[in-house]
Each structure stands twice: as C-alpha cells, then as structure tokens.
Amino acid sequence: MKKTKMFLTVAAFLLAAFSSLQLLAAAADKEVTLTGLAVCGKCVLHQSDTCQNVLLVVKDDKTNEYWLAQNDVSKDFHQQICTTDGEKVTVTGTLSKDNGKRILTASKIEPVK
C-alpha cells in the first residue's frame, strides 16, 4: 500500500511538472506587441560591446529593457537608431529570458507616427 501511494504521489508530481513546462513553452511562443523607444545598446546605453537594438518600455514609472535578438528584422532596422537618440517604435515578436535579460525576437518593427 505504501508503494502504491508513493508511486501515485510521484506520478502526480511529474504530471504537474510536465503541465507547467508545456504552459511555459506555449507562453514563449505567443507573440506580443510592445511600444517604446528603440536605442542602440552600445552607442546609447553603453551596456554592450557590440551594437544591438534595445527597446525601452516605460510602465508604471519604470523603464523595462527588451534586448532585440540579432535576427534579420532587428539588423535591418538598426541603421535607423544607431548613433541617434533613438526612435519610437512598435515591435511585435516573442519573449524569452537569457541571463536575466528580456530578449525580444522581433518579427516586425514599425515606427510610431
């Protein structure tokens, strides 16, 4: 009887853990749209050794940084913001985290008019 209870407890724990992982994976694949100021992480923020787009989003009087992954969409847009004070944009893409940084893999970047 003890073995059966132990087996059922372990099985329930594994099922709950697996379900949580599926929910996290589904959330990571969901596209979000954020609006903020796009700046260069090297030239403006001085937080990177190489040029990289960063989206600064102000929410509740706090500025959140979203580092754009180096894909074709991000690279094609970079020349518009490098060595400038930035540009207000709307970015659509998927979110992830890497070493505590929010990473936004952009599928679309549009200037705000």
C-alpha atoms as a PDB file:
ATOM      1  CA  MET A   1       0.000   0.000   0.000  1.00  0.00           C
ATOM      2  CA  LYS A   2       2.848   2.391   0.824  1.00  0.00           C
ATOM      3  CA  LYS A   3       4.462   1.706  -2.558  1.00  0.00           C
ATOM      4  CA  THR A   4       1.204   2.477  -4.363  1.00  0.00           C
ATOM      5  CA  LYS A   5       0.779   5.780  -2.518  1.00  0.00           C
ATOM      6  CA  MET A   6       4.410   6.668  -3.212  1.00  0.00           C
ATOM      7  CA  PHE A   7       4.005   5.805  -6.902  1.00  0.00           C
ATOM      8  CA  LEU A   8       0.818   7.873  -7.205  1.00  0.00           C
ATOM      9  CA  THR A   9       2.460  10.833  -5.437  1.00  0.00           C
ATOM     10  CA  VAL A  10       5.487  10.743  -7.762  1.00  0.00           C
ATOM     11  CA  ALA A  11       3.253  10.330 -10.828  1.00  0.00           C
ATOM     12  CA  ALA A  12       1.110  13.311  -9.784  1.00  0.00           C
ATOM     13  CA  PHE A  13       4.221  15.436  -9.221  1.00  0.00           C
ATOM     14  CA  LEU A  14       5.663  14.521 -12.634  1.00  0.00           C
ATOM     15  CA  LEU A  15       2.349  15.245 -14.343  1.00  0.00           C
ATOM     16  CA  ALA A  16       2.132  18.671 -12.673  1.00  0.00           C
ATOM     17  CA  ALA A  17       5.746  19.477 -13.625  1.00  0.00           C
ATOM     18  CA  PHE A  18       5.165  18.418 -17.244  1.00  0.00           C
ATOM     19  CA  SER A  19       1.998  20.525 -17.468  1.00  0.00           C
ATOM     20  CA  SER A  20       3.868  23.574 -16.148  1.00  0.00           C
ATOM     21  CA  LEU A  21       6.604  23.122 -18.749  1.00  0.00           C
ATOM     22  CA  GLN A  22       4.012  22.913 -21.536  1.00  0.00           C
ATOM     23  CA  LEU A  23       2.387  26.152 -20.340  1.00  0.00           C
ATOM     24  CA  LEU A  24       5.762  27.921 -20.261  1.00  0.00           C
ATOM     25  CA  ALA A  25       6.600  26.710 -23.761  1.00  0.00           C
ATOM     26  CA  ALA A  26       3.230  27.860 -25.077  1.00  0.00           C
ATOM     27  CA  ALA A  27       3.681  31.289 -23.460  1.00  0.00           C
ATOM     28  CA  ALA A  28       7.147  31.652 -25.009  1.00  0.00           C
ATOM     29  CA  ASP A  29       5.729  31.057 -28.498  1.00  0.00           C
ATOM     30  CA  LYS A  30       2.962  33.654 -28.130  1.00  0.00           C
ATOM     31  CA  GLU A  31       3.641  36.912 -29.948  1.00  0.00           C
ATOM     32  CA  VAL A  32       3.456  40.180 -28.039  1.00  0.00           C
ATOM     33  CA  THR A  33       3.387  43.770 -29.278  1.00  0.00           C
ATOM     34  CA  LEU A  34       5.307  46.417 -27.325  1.00  0.00           C
ATOM     35  CA  THR A  35       5.723  50.138 -27.966  1.00  0.00           C
ATOM     36  CA  GLY A  36       8.682  52.127 -26.725  1.00  0.00           C
ATOM     37  CA  LEU A  37      11.925  53.836 -27.638  1.00  0.00           C
ATOM     38  CA  ALA A  38      14.370  51.792 -29.732  1.00  0.00           C
ATOM     39  CA  VAL A  39      18.004  52.626 -28.967  1.00  0.00           C
ATOM     40  CA  CYS A  40      21.422  51.069 -29.510  1.00  0.00           C
ATOM     41  CA  GLY A  41      22.672  49.061 -26.539  1.00  0.00           C
ATOM     42  CA  LYS A  42      26.266  50.059 -27.299  1.00  0.00           C
ATOM     43  CA  CYS A  43      26.069  53.645 -28.541  1.00  0.00           C
ATOM     44  CA  VAL A  44      23.269  54.976 -26.298  1.00  0.00           C
ATOM     45  CA  LEU A  45      23.069  52.684 -23.261  1.00  0.00           C
ATOM     46  CA  HIS A  46      26.790  51.768 -23.118  1.00  0.00           C
ATOM     47  CA  GLN A  47      25.822  48.285 -21.882  1.00  0.00           C
ATOM     48  CA  SER A  48      27.148  46.192 -24.764  1.00  0.00           C
ATOM     49  CA  ASP A  49      30.434  45.749 -26.593  1.00  0.00           C
ATOM     50  CA  THR A  50      28.620  45.461 -29.924  1.00  0.00           C
ATOM     51  CA  CYS A  51      25.706  47.311 -31.460  1.00  0.00           C
ATOM     52  CA  GLN A  52      22.347  45.758 -30.615  1.00  0.00           C
ATOM     53  CA  ASN A  53      18.796  47.095 -30.615  1.00  0.00           C
ATOM     54  CA  VAL A  54      17.147  47.619 -27.236  1.00  0.00           C
ATOM     55  CA  LEU A  55      13.504  48.564 -26.758  1.00  0.00           C
ATOM     56  CA  LEU A  56      12.888  50.779 -23.718  1.00  0.00           C
ATOM     57  CA  VAL A  57       9.295  50.452 -22.498  1.00  0.00           C
ATOM     58  CA  VAL A  58       8.067  52.679 -19.669  1.00  0.00           C
ATOM     59  CA  LYS A  59       5.399  51.088 -17.488  1.00  0.00           C
ATOM     60  CA  ASP A  60       4.339  52.254 -14.023  1.00  0.00           C
ATOM     61  CA  ASP A  61       7.179  54.839 -13.970  1.00  0.00           C
ATOM     62  CA  LYS A  62       9.737  52.059 -14.521  1.00  0.00           C
ATOM     63  CA  THR A  63      11.786  51.606 -17.691  1.00  0.00           C
ATOM     64  CA  ASN A  64      11.990  47.985 -18.856  1.00  0.00           C
ATOM     65  CA  GLU A  65      14.690  46.931 -21.312  1.00  0.00           C
ATOM     66  CA  TYR A  66      13.939  44.396 -24.039  1.00  0.00           C
ATOM     67  CA  TRP A  67      17.081  43.381 -25.938  1.00  0.00           C
ATOM     68  CA  LEU A  68      16.210  42.504 -29.518  1.00  0.00           C
ATOM     69  CA  ALA A  69      17.632  39.226 -30.768  1.00  0.00           C
ATOM     70  CA  GLN A  70      20.054  39.615 -33.662  1.00  0.00           C
ATOM     71  CA  ASN A  71      17.813  38.430 -36.490  1.00  0.00           C
ATOM     72  CA  ASP A  72      17.246  39.924 -39.972  1.00  0.00           C
ATOM     73  CA  VAL A  73      14.358  42.131 -38.796  1.00  0.00           C
ATOM     74  CA  SER A  74      16.420  43.652 -36.000  1.00  0.00           C
ATOM     75  CA  LYS A  75      19.592  44.049 -38.075  1.00  0.00           C
ATOM     76  CA  ASP A  76      17.726  45.738 -40.953  1.00  0.00           C
ATOM     77  CA  PHE A  77      16.253  48.312 -38.562  1.00  0.00           C
ATOM     78  CA  HIS A  78      19.439  49.060 -36.614  1.00  0.00           C
ATOM     79  CA  GLN A  79      20.844  51.669 -39.005  1.00  0.00           C
ATOM     80  CA  GLN A  80      17.859  53.917 -38.207  1.00  0.00           C
ATOM     81  CA  ILE A  81      18.726  54.154 -34.500  1.00  0.00           C
ATOM     82  CA  CYS A  82      22.485  53.652 -34.184  1.00  0.00           C
ATOM     83  CA  THR A  83      24.265  56.829 -33.027  1.00  0.00           C
ATOM     84  CA  THR A  84      20.925  58.663 -32.614  1.00  0.00           C
ATOM     85  CA  ASP A  85      18.813  59.326 -29.539  1.00  0.00           C
ATOM     86  CA  GLY A  86      16.512  56.511 -30.695  1.00  0.00           C
ATOM     87  CA  GLU A  87      13.140  56.239 -32.355  1.00  0.00           C
ATOM     88  CA  LYS A  88       9.683  55.474 -31.001  1.00  0.00           C
ATOM     89  CA  VAL A  89       8.585  52.117 -32.438  1.00  0.00           C
ATOM     90  CA  THR A  90       6.158  49.243 -32.054  1.00  0.00           C
ATOM     91  CA  VAL A  91       7.780  45.807 -32.031  1.00  0.00           C
ATOM     92  CA  THR A  92       5.956  42.508 -32.476  1.00  0.00           C
ATOM     93  CA  GLY A  93       7.742  39.303 -31.508  1.00  0.00           C
ATOM     94  CA  THR A  94       8.250  36.560 -28.956  1.00  0.00           C
ATOM     95  CA  LEU A  95       9.738  36.992 -25.483  1.00  0.00           C
ATOM     96  CA  SER A  96      12.338  34.935 -23.664  1.00  0.00           C
ATOM     97  CA  LYS A  97      14.976  35.472 -20.983  1.00  0.00           C
ATOM     98  CA  ASP A  98      18.730  34.965 -21.117  1.00  0.00           C
ATOM     99  CA  ASN A  99      20.935  35.597 -18.082  1.00  0.00           C
ATOM    100  CA  GLY A 100      18.283  37.846 -16.555  1.00  0.00           C
ATOM    101  CA  LYS A 101      17.831  39.932 -19.723  1.00  0.00           C
ATOM    102  CA  ARG A 102      14.493  40.105 -21.505  1.00  0.00           C
ATOM    103  CA  ILE A 103      15.047  39.025 -25.107  1.00  0.00           C
ATOM    104  CA  LEU A 104      12.532  40.041 -27.759  1.00  0.00           C
ATOM    105  CA  THR A 105      12.805  38.179 -31.060  1.00  0.00           C
ATOM    106  CA  ALA A 106      11.215  40.649 -33.450  1.00  0.00           C
ATOM    107  CA  SER A 107       9.050  39.581 -36.340  1.00  0.00           C
ATOM    108  CA  LYS A 108       8.087  43.191 -37.154  1.00  0.00           C
ATOM    109  CA  ILE A 109       9.351  46.666 -36.224  1.00  0.00           C
ATOM    110  CA  GLU A 110       7.284  49.722 -37.186  1.00  0.00           C
ATOM    111  CA  PRO A 111       7.980  53.391 -36.446  1.00  0.00           C
ATOM    112  CA  VAL A 112       5.245  55.144 -34.449  1.00  0.00           C
ATOM    113  CA  LYS A 113       3.813  58.153 -36.258  1.00  0.00           C
END
